[in-house]
Amino acid sequence: MPDNRQLIKERLGELGLRPRREEEILRELGNYLEDSAEELAVRGVPYDAAIREGLDSVSDWASLRREIVLVETEEGTMNYRTRVLWLPGVCIFLFNVGFLAALQIAGLQPRIYWLSKELFIPIYIPWLLMLPVLGAIAAFWSKRAGGKGAHLLLAPLAPLIIFLGAFLAMFFTLAFVIDRHVPLSLKIEGLLIYILVWVLLPSCALGLGAVPFLKRPQPQS
C-alpha cells in the first residue's frame, strides 16, 4: 500500500507552514484519498488504480496549494474564523437576547428560587428551553461554513465568553469603586449567582444543542 501522504506531498509541494500543521493537512488529505479509494475498491477497482484516480481528480494542485495557504495565513484564518465562529455565534447571541427581551416585554416573569432574604436565582424557563435549539443552529451553521471540532462548540459559546469578560470588568468597577458600602461577601455571592444564571446555565443549554454535531461519522466497514 503506497504512502498516500507522500504521494500528495509530491503533487502539492511545500506549503511553507509549520511542520506539525503541514503534517496534519497531509494526513487529512491522505485519509480522504484513502476513503475514496476504498469506495472505488468496493466496486471492483484495484486499490492502486483507485488511488491514481483520486489523485487525478484534482485538476490543479497549484490552486489547491494556494487555497490551503490562504486559509492558513493570518488573513485567511481571520476570514475562516469569522465564517465558522463569529458570524454564527454573534447572530445566535443577538437572537438569544432578542428572544429573552420579547419574553420580558410580553410580561413573562421568571421563576424565583430564594437562597436567602437578599439573594435569589431568577430562571426564565421558556428562554432556557429555547437555548439548545439555538446551540444546534449555531453548530449546524458553523459546520456548513466549514467549521470542524471545537468550532462547532465554540460558535454558540464564544459571545457568552466575551459577555462574561465585559460583565466582570463592569462588576469589579461597580463593586470596588462605586458600591463600597455593600459587604464583600454579598458582592461575591451576587457575582456567582449572575454567572450561574446568565453564563453557566445558558452555556450548558447551548452546548447541549451542539453535541450532536460534534460526533464524527462512523467509518464504513
N, C-alpha and C. Protein backbone atom coordinates (compact mmCIF):
# COMPACT_ATOMS: atom_id res chain seq x y z
N MET A 1 0.85 -1.19 0.00
CA MET A 1 0.00 0.00 0.00
C MET A 1 0.89 1.25 0.00
N PRO A 2 0.71 2.16 -0.95
CA PRO A 2 1.58 3.33 -1.04
C PRO A 2 1.33 4.30 0.10
N ASP A 3 2.33 5.16 0.35
CA ASP A 3 2.19 6.21 1.35
C ASP A 3 1.41 7.35 0.72
N ASN A 4 0.13 7.45 1.05
CA ASN A 4 -0.71 8.45 0.41
C ASN A 4 -0.26 9.86 0.70
N ARG A 5 0.23 10.10 1.92
CA ARG A 5 0.68 11.45 2.25
C ARG A 5 1.88 11.86 1.40
N GLN A 6 2.78 10.92 1.13
CA GLN A 6 3.93 11.24 0.30
C GLN A 6 3.51 11.52 -1.14
N LEU A 7 2.55 10.74 -1.63
CA LEU A 7 2.05 10.97 -2.99
C LEU A 7 1.41 12.35 -3.11
N ILE A 8 0.66 12.73 -2.09
CA ILE A 8 0.02 14.04 -2.11
C ILE A 8 1.05 15.15 -2.00
N LYS A 9 2.05 14.95 -1.14
CA LYS A 9 3.08 15.98 -0.95
C LYS A 9 3.86 16.22 -2.23
N GLU A 10 4.11 15.15 -3.01
CA GLU A 10 4.85 15.29 -4.26
C GLU A 10 4.09 16.18 -5.24
N ARG A 11 2.76 16.10 -5.22
CA ARG A 11 1.95 16.90 -6.14
C ARG A 11 1.63 18.27 -5.57
N LEU A 12 1.46 18.34 -4.26
CA LEU A 12 1.07 19.60 -3.62
C LEU A 12 2.26 20.55 -3.46
N GLY A 13 3.44 19.99 -3.21
CA GLY A 13 4.62 20.82 -2.99
C GLY A 13 4.68 21.34 -1.57
N GLU A 14 5.68 22.16 -1.29
CA GLU A 14 5.86 22.73 0.05
C GLU A 14 4.82 23.80 0.31
N LEU A 15 4.21 23.74 1.49
CA LEU A 15 3.18 24.72 1.85
C LEU A 15 3.75 25.91 2.61
N GLY A 16 4.94 25.74 3.17
CA GLY A 16 5.55 26.83 3.92
C GLY A 16 4.89 27.07 5.26
N LEU A 17 4.22 26.04 5.81
CA LEU A 17 3.55 26.16 7.10
C LEU A 17 4.40 25.50 8.18
N ARG A 18 3.92 25.58 9.41
CA ARG A 18 4.60 24.88 10.49
C ARG A 18 4.60 23.38 10.20
N PRO A 19 5.68 22.67 10.47
CA PRO A 19 5.76 21.25 10.12
C PRO A 19 4.59 20.44 10.69
N ARG A 20 4.23 20.73 11.93
CA ARG A 20 3.14 19.96 12.54
C ARG A 20 1.82 20.20 11.81
N ARG A 21 1.54 21.48 11.46
CA ARG A 21 0.29 21.80 10.77
C ARG A 21 0.30 21.22 9.36
N GLU A 22 1.45 21.27 8.70
CA GLU A 22 1.55 20.72 7.36
C GLU A 22 1.31 19.21 7.38
N GLU A 23 1.83 18.55 8.40
CA GLU A 23 1.63 17.11 8.53
C GLU A 23 0.15 16.80 8.77
N GLU A 24 -0.53 17.63 9.56
CA GLU A 24 -1.97 17.44 9.80
C GLU A 24 -2.77 17.56 8.50
N ILE A 25 -2.42 18.55 7.68
CA ILE A 25 -3.12 18.74 6.41
C ILE A 25 -2.88 17.56 5.48
N LEU A 26 -1.64 17.11 5.40
CA LEU A 26 -1.33 15.95 4.55
C LEU A 26 -2.06 14.70 5.04
N ARG A 27 -2.15 14.57 6.36
CA ARG A 27 -2.85 13.40 6.90
C ARG A 27 -4.35 13.45 6.56
N GLU A 28 -4.95 14.65 6.68
CA GLU A 28 -6.37 14.78 6.35
C GLU A 28 -6.62 14.48 4.87
N LEU A 29 -5.78 15.02 4.01
CA LEU A 29 -5.93 14.75 2.58
C LEU A 29 -5.69 13.28 2.27
N GLY A 30 -4.69 12.68 2.96
CA GLY A 30 -4.41 11.27 2.75
C GLY A 30 -5.57 10.39 3.18
N ASN A 31 -6.20 10.73 4.32
CA ASN A 31 -7.36 9.96 4.79
C ASN A 31 -8.52 10.08 3.81
N TYR A 32 -8.72 11.29 3.29
CA TYR A 32 -9.80 11.49 2.31
C TYR A 32 -9.53 10.67 1.05
N LEU A 33 -8.27 10.68 0.59
CA LEU A 33 -7.91 9.92 -0.60
C LEU A 33 -8.11 8.43 -0.37
N GLU A 34 -7.73 7.95 0.80
CA GLU A 34 -7.88 6.52 1.10
C GLU A 34 -9.35 6.12 1.18
N ASP A 35 -10.18 6.99 1.78
CA ASP A 35 -11.62 6.69 1.85
C ASP A 35 -12.21 6.60 0.44
N SER A 36 -11.82 7.53 -0.43
CA SER A 36 -12.32 7.50 -1.81
C SER A 36 -11.86 6.23 -2.52
N ALA A 37 -10.60 5.84 -2.29
CA ALA A 37 -10.07 4.64 -2.93
C ALA A 37 -10.80 3.39 -2.45
N GLU A 38 -11.13 3.35 -1.17
CA GLU A 38 -11.83 2.19 -0.63
C GLU A 38 -13.23 2.07 -1.22
N GLU A 39 -13.88 3.23 -1.44
CA GLU A 39 -15.21 3.19 -2.06
C GLU A 39 -15.13 2.65 -3.48
N LEU A 40 -14.08 3.06 -4.23
CA LEU A 40 -13.92 2.53 -5.58
C LEU A 40 -13.53 1.05 -5.56
N ALA A 41 -12.74 0.66 -4.55
CA ALA A 41 -12.33 -0.73 -4.45
C ALA A 41 -13.52 -1.66 -4.23
N VAL A 42 -14.53 -1.17 -3.51
CA VAL A 42 -15.73 -1.97 -3.28
C VAL A 42 -16.43 -2.27 -4.61
N ARG A 43 -16.29 -1.33 -5.57
CA ARG A 43 -16.92 -1.52 -6.87
C ARG A 43 -16.03 -2.29 -7.84
N GLY A 44 -14.91 -2.81 -7.31
CA GLY A 44 -14.06 -3.66 -8.13
C GLY A 44 -12.86 -3.00 -8.74
N VAL A 45 -12.63 -1.73 -8.45
CA VAL A 45 -11.46 -1.03 -8.99
C VAL A 45 -10.24 -1.39 -8.13
N PRO A 46 -9.12 -1.81 -8.74
CA PRO A 46 -7.92 -2.12 -7.95
C PRO A 46 -7.49 -0.92 -7.12
N TYR A 47 -6.93 -1.21 -5.94
CA TYR A 47 -6.61 -0.14 -5.00
C TYR A 47 -5.65 0.88 -5.60
N ASP A 48 -4.58 0.41 -6.24
CA ASP A 48 -3.60 1.33 -6.83
C ASP A 48 -4.24 2.22 -7.89
N ALA A 49 -5.11 1.62 -8.70
CA ALA A 49 -5.79 2.41 -9.73
C ALA A 49 -6.74 3.41 -9.09
N ALA A 50 -7.37 3.01 -8.00
CA ALA A 50 -8.29 3.92 -7.31
C ALA A 50 -7.53 5.11 -6.73
N ILE A 51 -6.32 4.85 -6.21
CA ILE A 51 -5.51 5.95 -5.68
C ILE A 51 -5.13 6.91 -6.79
N ARG A 52 -4.70 6.36 -7.92
CA ARG A 52 -4.32 7.22 -9.04
C ARG A 52 -5.52 8.03 -9.54
N GLU A 53 -6.68 7.40 -9.56
CA GLU A 53 -7.88 8.11 -9.99
C GLU A 53 -8.21 9.25 -9.03
N GLY A 54 -8.03 8.99 -7.72
CA GLY A 54 -8.28 10.05 -6.74
C GLY A 54 -7.31 11.21 -6.89
N LEU A 55 -6.04 10.91 -7.14
CA LEU A 55 -5.04 11.96 -7.35
C LEU A 55 -5.33 12.74 -8.63
N ASP A 56 -5.74 12.02 -9.68
CA ASP A 56 -6.01 12.69 -10.96
C ASP A 56 -7.28 13.53 -10.91
N SER A 57 -8.13 13.29 -9.88
CA SER A 57 -9.37 14.07 -9.80
C SER A 57 -9.10 15.52 -9.44
N VAL A 58 -7.92 15.81 -8.89
CA VAL A 58 -7.53 17.19 -8.61
C VAL A 58 -6.88 17.74 -9.86
N SER A 59 -7.58 18.61 -10.56
CA SER A 59 -7.09 19.10 -11.85
C SER A 59 -5.98 20.13 -11.71
N ASP A 60 -5.94 20.85 -10.59
CA ASP A 60 -4.95 21.92 -10.44
C ASP A 60 -4.41 21.90 -9.01
N TRP A 61 -3.30 21.21 -8.81
CA TRP A 61 -2.71 21.11 -7.48
C TRP A 61 -2.16 22.45 -7.01
N ALA A 62 -1.71 23.27 -7.94
CA ALA A 62 -1.19 24.59 -7.56
C ALA A 62 -2.29 25.46 -6.96
N SER A 63 -3.49 25.39 -7.53
CA SER A 63 -4.62 26.16 -6.99
C SER A 63 -5.01 25.64 -5.62
N LEU A 64 -4.98 24.32 -5.46
CA LEU A 64 -5.30 23.74 -4.17
C LEU A 64 -4.29 24.20 -3.12
N ARG A 65 -3.00 24.23 -3.50
CA ARG A 65 -1.98 24.69 -2.56
C ARG A 65 -2.21 26.15 -2.17
N ARG A 66 -2.55 26.99 -3.14
CA ARG A 66 -2.80 28.40 -2.82
C ARG A 66 -4.00 28.56 -1.89
N GLU A 67 -5.05 27.77 -2.10
CA GLU A 67 -6.23 27.85 -1.24
C GLU A 67 -5.89 27.45 0.20
N ILE A 68 -5.09 26.39 0.33
CA ILE A 68 -4.70 25.93 1.67
C ILE A 68 -3.87 26.99 2.37
N VAL A 69 -2.91 27.55 1.66
CA VAL A 69 -2.05 28.58 2.26
C VAL A 69 -2.86 29.80 2.64
N LEU A 70 -3.85 30.17 1.81
CA LEU A 70 -4.69 31.33 2.11
C LEU A 70 -5.45 31.13 3.41
N VAL A 71 -6.01 29.94 3.57
CA VAL A 71 -6.77 29.65 4.79
C VAL A 71 -5.86 29.67 6.01
N GLU A 72 -4.63 29.19 5.83
CA GLU A 72 -3.72 29.07 6.97
C GLU A 72 -2.97 30.36 7.28
N THR A 73 -2.98 31.34 6.39
CA THR A 73 -2.34 32.61 6.70
C THR A 73 -3.21 33.39 7.66
N GLU A 74 -2.65 34.48 8.19
CA GLU A 74 -3.38 35.26 9.20
C GLU A 74 -4.68 35.80 8.64
N GLU A 75 -4.63 36.38 7.42
CA GLU A 75 -5.84 36.95 6.83
C GLU A 75 -6.85 35.87 6.54
N GLY A 76 -6.36 34.75 5.95
CA GLY A 76 -7.28 33.67 5.64
C GLY A 76 -7.87 33.06 6.89
N THR A 77 -7.06 32.94 7.95
CA THR A 77 -7.56 32.38 9.20
C THR A 77 -8.62 33.28 9.81
N MET A 78 -8.42 34.61 9.73
CA MET A 78 -9.42 35.52 10.27
C MET A 78 -10.73 35.38 9.53
N ASN A 79 -10.67 35.31 8.19
CA ASN A 79 -11.89 35.14 7.42
C ASN A 79 -12.56 33.80 7.74
N TYR A 80 -11.75 32.77 7.88
CA TYR A 80 -12.29 31.44 8.21
C TYR A 80 -12.97 31.46 9.57
N ARG A 81 -12.31 32.05 10.56
CA ARG A 81 -12.90 32.11 11.90
C ARG A 81 -14.16 32.96 11.92
N THR A 82 -14.19 34.00 11.11
CA THR A 82 -15.39 34.81 11.04
C THR A 82 -16.56 33.99 10.53
N ARG A 83 -16.31 33.17 9.50
CA ARG A 83 -17.38 32.37 8.91
C ARG A 83 -17.86 31.27 9.85
N VAL A 84 -16.92 30.58 10.47
CA VAL A 84 -17.30 29.38 11.23
C VAL A 84 -17.51 29.65 12.71
N LEU A 85 -17.09 30.83 13.20
CA LEU A 85 -17.18 31.08 14.64
C LEU A 85 -17.98 32.34 14.96
N TRP A 86 -17.49 33.49 14.51
CA TRP A 86 -18.09 34.74 14.96
C TRP A 86 -19.43 35.04 14.30
N LEU A 87 -19.56 34.78 13.01
CA LEU A 87 -20.82 35.10 12.34
C LEU A 87 -21.98 34.29 12.91
N PRO A 88 -21.88 32.95 12.97
CA PRO A 88 -23.00 32.21 13.59
C PRO A 88 -23.15 32.52 15.06
N GLY A 89 -22.03 32.70 15.78
CA GLY A 89 -22.11 32.96 17.21
C GLY A 89 -22.79 34.27 17.54
N VAL A 90 -22.38 35.34 16.86
CA VAL A 90 -22.97 36.65 17.15
C VAL A 90 -24.43 36.70 16.74
N CYS A 91 -24.78 36.13 15.59
CA CYS A 91 -26.18 36.13 15.15
C CYS A 91 -27.07 35.38 16.12
N ILE A 92 -26.61 34.21 16.57
CA ILE A 92 -27.40 33.43 17.51
C ILE A 92 -27.49 34.15 18.86
N PHE A 93 -26.41 34.81 19.26
CA PHE A 93 -26.42 35.55 20.51
C PHE A 93 -27.43 36.70 20.46
N LEU A 94 -27.46 37.43 19.34
CA LEU A 94 -28.40 38.53 19.20
C LEU A 94 -29.84 38.02 19.19
N PHE A 95 -30.08 36.90 18.52
CA PHE A 95 -31.42 36.32 18.55
C PHE A 95 -31.78 35.87 19.96
N ASN A 96 -30.80 35.33 20.65
CA ASN A 96 -30.98 34.90 22.03
C ASN A 96 -31.43 36.07 22.91
N VAL A 97 -30.70 37.19 22.82
CA VAL A 97 -31.03 38.37 23.61
C VAL A 97 -32.40 38.91 23.20
N GLY A 98 -32.67 38.93 21.90
CA GLY A 98 -33.95 39.42 21.43
C GLY A 98 -35.12 38.57 21.90
N PHE A 99 -34.92 37.25 21.91
CA PHE A 99 -35.98 36.36 22.38
C PHE A 99 -36.27 36.57 23.86
N LEU A 100 -35.21 36.74 24.65
CA LEU A 100 -35.39 36.99 26.07
C LEU A 100 -36.10 38.33 26.30
N ALA A 101 -35.71 39.34 25.53
CA ALA A 101 -36.35 40.65 25.66
C ALA A 101 -37.84 40.56 25.29
N ALA A 102 -38.15 39.78 24.25
CA ALA A 102 -39.55 39.62 23.84
C ALA A 102 -40.37 38.95 24.95
N LEU A 103 -39.78 37.97 25.61
CA LEU A 103 -40.48 37.31 26.72
C LEU A 103 -40.76 38.30 27.85
N GLN A 104 -39.79 39.14 28.13
CA GLN A 104 -39.96 40.12 29.20
C GLN A 104 -41.00 41.17 28.83
N ILE A 105 -40.98 41.62 27.57
CA ILE A 105 -41.97 42.59 27.12
C ILE A 105 -43.38 41.99 27.16
N ALA A 106 -43.47 40.69 26.85
CA ALA A 106 -44.77 40.03 26.89
C ALA A 106 -45.27 39.81 28.31
N GLY A 107 -44.44 40.14 29.30
CA GLY A 107 -44.88 40.05 30.70
C GLY A 107 -44.52 38.75 31.39
N LEU A 108 -43.68 37.92 30.75
CA LEU A 108 -43.30 36.67 31.39
C LEU A 108 -42.42 36.94 32.61
N GLN A 109 -42.77 36.39 33.72
CA GLN A 109 -41.99 36.55 34.94
C GLN A 109 -41.11 35.33 35.16
N PRO A 110 -39.88 35.53 35.62
CA PRO A 110 -39.01 34.38 35.86
C PRO A 110 -39.45 33.60 37.09
N ARG A 111 -39.10 32.34 37.10
CA ARG A 111 -39.32 31.54 38.31
C ARG A 111 -38.21 31.92 39.31
N ILE A 112 -38.60 32.25 40.51
CA ILE A 112 -37.65 32.74 41.52
C ILE A 112 -37.34 31.64 42.52
N TYR A 113 -36.05 31.43 42.75
CA TYR A 113 -35.59 30.49 43.77
C TYR A 113 -34.80 31.30 44.80
N TRP A 114 -35.35 31.43 45.98
CA TRP A 114 -34.73 32.24 47.03
C TRP A 114 -33.66 31.44 47.76
N LEU A 115 -32.50 32.05 47.88
CA LEU A 115 -31.40 31.44 48.63
C LEU A 115 -31.29 32.02 50.03
N SER A 116 -31.70 33.27 50.17
CA SER A 116 -31.70 33.96 51.45
C SER A 116 -32.62 35.17 51.31
N LYS A 117 -32.66 36.00 52.32
CA LYS A 117 -33.51 37.19 52.25
C LYS A 117 -33.00 38.18 51.21
N GLU A 118 -31.71 38.14 50.94
CA GLU A 118 -31.14 39.10 49.99
C GLU A 118 -30.85 38.51 48.62
N LEU A 119 -30.68 37.19 48.54
CA LEU A 119 -30.23 36.58 47.31
C LEU A 119 -31.27 35.62 46.73
N PHE A 120 -31.44 35.67 45.43
CA PHE A 120 -32.37 34.76 44.76
C PHE A 120 -31.85 34.46 43.35
N ILE A 121 -32.36 33.38 42.78
CA ILE A 121 -31.99 32.97 41.42
C ILE A 121 -33.21 33.08 40.52
N PRO A 122 -33.17 33.97 39.51
CA PRO A 122 -34.28 34.07 38.56
C PRO A 122 -34.01 33.18 37.34
N ILE A 123 -34.99 32.36 36.97
CA ILE A 123 -34.83 31.47 35.84
C ILE A 123 -36.01 31.68 34.87
N TYR A 124 -35.70 32.02 33.63
CA TYR A 124 -36.72 32.11 32.59
C TYR A 124 -36.77 30.75 31.89
N ILE A 125 -37.73 29.92 32.28
CA ILE A 125 -37.79 28.55 31.78
C ILE A 125 -37.95 28.48 30.25
N PRO A 126 -38.91 29.21 29.64
CA PRO A 126 -39.04 29.11 28.17
C PRO A 126 -37.77 29.53 27.44
N TRP A 127 -37.11 30.56 27.95
CA TRP A 127 -35.85 31.01 27.33
C TRP A 127 -34.79 29.93 27.43
N LEU A 128 -34.69 29.30 28.59
CA LEU A 128 -33.67 28.27 28.79
C LEU A 128 -33.95 27.06 27.89
N LEU A 129 -35.23 26.74 27.68
CA LEU A 129 -35.57 25.60 26.83
C LEU A 129 -35.29 25.88 25.35
N MET A 130 -35.28 27.16 24.98
CA MET A 130 -35.01 27.52 23.60
C MET A 130 -33.51 27.43 23.26
N LEU A 131 -32.66 27.55 24.26
CA LEU A 131 -31.22 27.64 24.01
C LEU A 131 -30.62 26.41 23.33
N PRO A 132 -31.01 25.17 23.66
CA PRO A 132 -30.46 24.03 22.90
C PRO A 132 -30.76 24.12 21.41
N VAL A 133 -31.93 24.65 21.07
CA VAL A 133 -32.26 24.81 19.65
C VAL A 133 -31.31 25.81 19.00
N LEU A 134 -31.05 26.93 19.69
CA LEU A 134 -30.13 27.93 19.15
C LEU A 134 -28.71 27.37 19.06
N GLY A 135 -28.31 26.57 20.05
CA GLY A 135 -26.99 25.95 20.00
C GLY A 135 -26.85 25.02 18.81
N ALA A 136 -27.92 24.27 18.52
CA ALA A 136 -27.89 23.37 17.36
C ALA A 136 -27.80 24.16 16.06
N ILE A 137 -28.54 25.28 15.99
CA ILE A 137 -28.50 26.10 14.77
C ILE A 137 -27.10 26.67 14.56
N ALA A 138 -26.49 27.17 15.64
CA ALA A 138 -25.14 27.75 15.53
C ALA A 138 -24.13 26.69 15.09
N ALA A 139 -24.21 25.49 15.69
CA ALA A 139 -23.28 24.42 15.32
C ALA A 139 -23.48 23.97 13.87
N PHE A 140 -24.74 23.86 13.46
CA PHE A 140 -25.03 23.47 12.08
C PHE A 140 -24.53 24.54 11.11
N TRP A 141 -24.74 25.80 11.45
CA TRP A 141 -24.27 26.91 10.63
C TRP A 141 -22.75 26.86 10.48
N SER A 142 -22.07 26.66 11.62
CA SER A 142 -20.61 26.59 11.60
C SER A 142 -20.13 25.42 10.76
N LYS A 143 -20.79 24.28 10.88
CA LYS A 143 -20.38 23.09 10.13
C LYS A 143 -20.57 23.29 8.64
N ARG A 144 -21.68 23.91 8.24
CA ARG A 144 -21.92 24.18 6.83
C ARG A 144 -20.90 25.16 6.27
N ALA A 145 -20.38 26.05 7.12
CA ALA A 145 -19.38 27.02 6.68
C ALA A 145 -17.97 26.45 6.66
N GLY A 146 -17.82 25.18 7.08
CA GLY A 146 -16.51 24.55 7.06
C GLY A 146 -15.89 24.37 8.43
N GLY A 147 -16.63 24.67 9.48
CA GLY A 147 -16.11 24.52 10.84
C GLY A 147 -15.93 23.06 11.21
N LYS A 148 -14.93 22.80 12.04
CA LYS A 148 -14.65 21.44 12.49
C LYS A 148 -14.31 21.45 13.96
N GLY A 149 -14.56 20.32 14.63
CA GLY A 149 -14.12 20.13 16.01
C GLY A 149 -14.63 21.20 16.95
N ALA A 150 -13.69 21.89 17.57
CA ALA A 150 -14.05 22.85 18.62
C ALA A 150 -14.86 24.02 18.09
N HIS A 151 -14.73 24.36 16.81
CA HIS A 151 -15.51 25.47 16.26
C HIS A 151 -17.00 25.25 16.42
N LEU A 152 -17.44 24.00 16.27
CA LEU A 152 -18.87 23.71 16.35
C LEU A 152 -19.41 23.94 17.75
N LEU A 153 -18.55 23.80 18.75
CA LEU A 153 -18.97 24.05 20.12
C LEU A 153 -18.77 25.51 20.51
N LEU A 154 -17.69 26.11 20.02
CA LEU A 154 -17.40 27.49 20.39
C LEU A 154 -18.31 28.48 19.69
N ALA A 155 -18.86 28.13 18.54
CA ALA A 155 -19.72 29.06 17.81
C ALA A 155 -20.87 29.58 18.68
N PRO A 156 -21.63 28.70 19.36
CA PRO A 156 -22.70 29.24 20.22
C PRO A 156 -22.20 29.80 21.54
N LEU A 157 -20.97 29.46 21.96
CA LEU A 157 -20.49 29.86 23.28
C LEU A 157 -19.60 31.09 23.28
N ALA A 158 -18.94 31.38 22.16
CA ALA A 158 -17.96 32.47 22.13
C ALA A 158 -18.54 33.81 22.58
N PRO A 159 -19.71 34.24 22.09
CA PRO A 159 -20.26 35.52 22.56
C PRO A 159 -20.51 35.56 24.06
N LEU A 160 -20.91 34.42 24.64
CA LEU A 160 -21.12 34.39 26.09
C LEU A 160 -19.82 34.59 26.84
N ILE A 161 -18.73 34.06 26.30
CA ILE A 161 -17.43 34.23 26.95
C ILE A 161 -17.02 35.70 26.95
N ILE A 162 -17.24 36.36 25.82
CA ILE A 162 -16.94 37.79 25.75
C ILE A 162 -17.86 38.57 26.68
N PHE A 163 -19.13 38.19 26.71
CA PHE A 163 -20.10 38.84 27.58
C PHE A 163 -19.68 38.70 29.04
N LEU A 164 -19.18 37.53 29.40
CA LEU A 164 -18.72 37.31 30.77
C LEU A 164 -17.56 38.23 31.09
N GLY A 165 -16.60 38.34 30.17
CA GLY A 165 -15.46 39.22 30.41
C GLY A 165 -15.88 40.66 30.60
N ALA A 166 -16.81 41.13 29.75
CA ALA A 166 -17.29 42.50 29.88
C ALA A 166 -18.01 42.71 31.20
N PHE A 167 -18.80 41.74 31.62
CA PHE A 167 -19.53 41.88 32.87
C PHE A 167 -18.57 41.91 34.06
N LEU A 168 -17.55 41.06 34.03
CA LEU A 168 -16.61 41.03 35.14
C LEU A 168 -15.91 42.38 35.29
N ALA A 169 -15.55 42.98 34.16
CA ALA A 169 -14.92 44.30 34.22
C ALA A 169 -15.87 45.32 34.82
N MET A 170 -17.14 45.27 34.41
CA MET A 170 -18.13 46.20 34.95
C MET A 170 -18.39 45.93 36.42
N PHE A 171 -18.45 44.64 36.78
CA PHE A 171 -18.74 44.28 38.16
C PHE A 171 -17.68 44.79 39.11
N PHE A 172 -16.42 44.55 38.78
CA PHE A 172 -15.36 44.98 39.67
C PHE A 172 -15.28 46.51 39.75
N THR A 173 -15.64 47.19 38.68
CA THR A 173 -15.68 48.65 38.72
C THR A 173 -16.75 49.13 39.68
N LEU A 174 -17.94 48.56 39.57
CA LEU A 174 -19.04 48.98 40.43
C LEU A 174 -18.83 48.53 41.87
N ALA A 175 -18.36 47.29 42.04
CA ALA A 175 -18.28 46.71 43.38
C ALA A 175 -17.18 47.35 44.22
N PHE A 176 -16.08 47.69 43.62
CA PHE A 176 -14.94 48.14 44.42
C PHE A 176 -14.64 49.63 44.25
N VAL A 177 -15.36 50.29 43.35
CA VAL A 177 -15.15 51.72 43.18
C VAL A 177 -16.37 52.52 43.59
N ILE A 178 -17.57 52.03 43.21
CA ILE A 178 -18.80 52.79 43.45
C ILE A 178 -19.52 52.29 44.70
N ASP A 179 -19.89 51.01 44.73
CA ASP A 179 -20.68 50.46 45.84
C ASP A 179 -19.78 49.91 46.93
N ARG A 180 -19.00 50.74 47.54
CA ARG A 180 -18.09 50.27 48.58
C ARG A 180 -18.81 49.90 49.88
N HIS A 181 -20.01 50.42 50.07
CA HIS A 181 -20.72 50.18 51.33
C HIS A 181 -21.34 48.78 51.37
N VAL A 182 -21.47 48.10 50.22
CA VAL A 182 -22.04 46.76 50.18
C VAL A 182 -21.00 45.76 50.64
N PRO A 183 -21.37 44.84 51.56
CA PRO A 183 -20.40 43.86 52.06
C PRO A 183 -19.78 43.04 50.92
N LEU A 184 -18.50 42.74 51.05
CA LEU A 184 -17.79 41.99 50.01
C LEU A 184 -18.40 40.61 49.81
N SER A 185 -18.80 39.95 50.89
CA SER A 185 -19.38 38.61 50.76
C SER A 185 -20.65 38.64 49.91
N LEU A 186 -21.47 39.68 50.10
CA LEU A 186 -22.70 39.80 49.32
C LEU A 186 -22.39 40.06 47.85
N LYS A 187 -21.35 40.84 47.59
CA LYS A 187 -20.95 41.11 46.22
C LYS A 187 -20.52 39.82 45.52
N ILE A 188 -19.72 39.03 46.21
CA ILE A 188 -19.23 37.79 45.61
C ILE A 188 -20.37 36.81 45.37
N GLU A 189 -21.28 36.71 46.32
CA GLU A 189 -22.43 35.81 46.14
C GLU A 189 -23.29 36.26 44.96
N GLY A 190 -23.49 37.57 44.84
CA GLY A 190 -24.25 38.08 43.71
C GLY A 190 -23.56 37.79 42.39
N LEU A 191 -22.24 37.92 42.37
CA LEU A 191 -21.47 37.63 41.16
C LEU A 191 -21.62 36.16 40.76
N LEU A 192 -21.50 35.27 41.73
CA LEU A 192 -21.60 33.84 41.43
C LEU A 192 -22.99 33.48 40.91
N ILE A 193 -24.02 34.10 41.50
CA ILE A 193 -25.38 33.84 41.04
C ILE A 193 -25.55 34.34 39.62
N TYR A 194 -25.02 35.52 39.33
CA TYR A 194 -25.13 36.07 37.99
C TYR A 194 -24.44 35.15 36.97
N ILE A 195 -23.25 34.69 37.30
CA ILE A 195 -22.53 33.80 36.39
C ILE A 195 -23.31 32.51 36.17
N LEU A 196 -23.91 31.99 37.24
CA LEU A 196 -24.69 30.76 37.13
C LEU A 196 -25.88 30.94 36.20
N VAL A 197 -26.63 32.04 36.42
CA VAL A 197 -27.89 32.24 35.69
C VAL A 197 -27.66 32.66 34.24
N TRP A 198 -26.71 33.57 34.03
CA TRP A 198 -26.58 34.18 32.71
C TRP A 198 -25.40 33.68 31.89
N VAL A 199 -24.56 32.82 32.49
CA VAL A 199 -23.42 32.29 31.73
C VAL A 199 -23.38 30.76 31.76
N LEU A 200 -23.32 30.16 32.95
CA LEU A 200 -23.14 28.72 33.04
C LEU A 200 -24.35 27.95 32.53
N LEU A 201 -25.54 28.29 33.01
CA LEU A 201 -26.74 27.58 32.55
C LEU A 201 -26.97 27.76 31.05
N PRO A 202 -26.89 29.00 30.53
CA PRO A 202 -27.04 29.15 29.07
C PRO A 202 -25.96 28.41 28.29
N SER A 203 -24.72 28.39 28.81
CA SER A 203 -23.65 27.69 28.11
C SER A 203 -23.93 26.20 28.04
N CYS A 204 -24.41 25.63 29.13
CA CYS A 204 -24.74 24.20 29.13
C CYS A 204 -25.87 23.90 28.15
N ALA A 205 -26.89 24.77 28.14
CA ALA A 205 -28.02 24.55 27.24
C ALA A 205 -27.60 24.69 25.78
N LEU A 206 -26.82 25.72 25.47
CA LEU A 206 -26.34 25.90 24.10
C LEU A 206 -25.42 24.76 23.67
N GLY A 207 -24.52 24.36 24.57
CA GLY A 207 -23.62 23.26 24.27
C GLY A 207 -24.35 21.95 24.04
N LEU A 208 -25.45 21.76 24.78
CA LEU A 208 -26.25 20.54 24.61
C LEU A 208 -26.80 20.45 23.19
N GLY A 209 -27.21 21.60 22.66
CA GLY A 209 -27.72 21.59 21.29
C GLY A 209 -26.64 21.32 20.27
N ALA A 210 -25.39 21.68 20.58
CA ALA A 210 -24.29 21.48 19.64
C ALA A 210 -23.73 20.07 19.66
N VAL A 211 -24.01 19.31 20.72
CA VAL A 211 -23.39 17.99 20.90
C VAL A 211 -23.60 17.05 19.71
N PRO A 212 -24.82 16.95 19.14
CA PRO A 212 -24.99 16.00 18.02
C PRO A 212 -24.08 16.28 16.84
N PHE A 213 -23.66 17.53 16.66
CA PHE A 213 -22.84 17.88 15.51
C PHE A 213 -21.35 17.62 15.78
N LEU A 214 -21.01 17.31 17.04
CA LEU A 214 -19.62 17.04 17.38
C LEU A 214 -19.23 15.60 17.11
N LYS A 215 -20.23 14.75 16.91
CA LYS A 215 -19.95 13.33 16.68
C LYS A 215 -19.38 13.15 15.28
N ARG A 216 -18.29 12.40 15.21
CA ARG A 216 -17.68 12.10 13.92
C ARG A 216 -18.42 10.96 13.26
N PRO A 217 -18.62 11.04 11.94
CA PRO A 217 -19.28 9.93 11.26
C PRO A 217 -18.48 8.65 11.37
N GLN A 218 -19.19 7.56 11.64
CA GLN A 218 -18.51 6.27 11.78
C GLN A 218 -18.00 5.79 10.43
N PRO A 219 -16.73 5.33 10.38
CA PRO A 219 -16.21 4.83 9.10
C PRO A 219 -16.95 3.59 8.64
N GLN A 220 -17.18 3.52 7.34
CA GLN A 220 -17.86 2.36 6.81
C GLN A 220 -16.93 1.17 6.77
N SER A 221 -17.47 0.03 7.16
CA SER A 221 -16.66 -1.18 7.19
C SER A 221 -16.57 -1.79 5.79
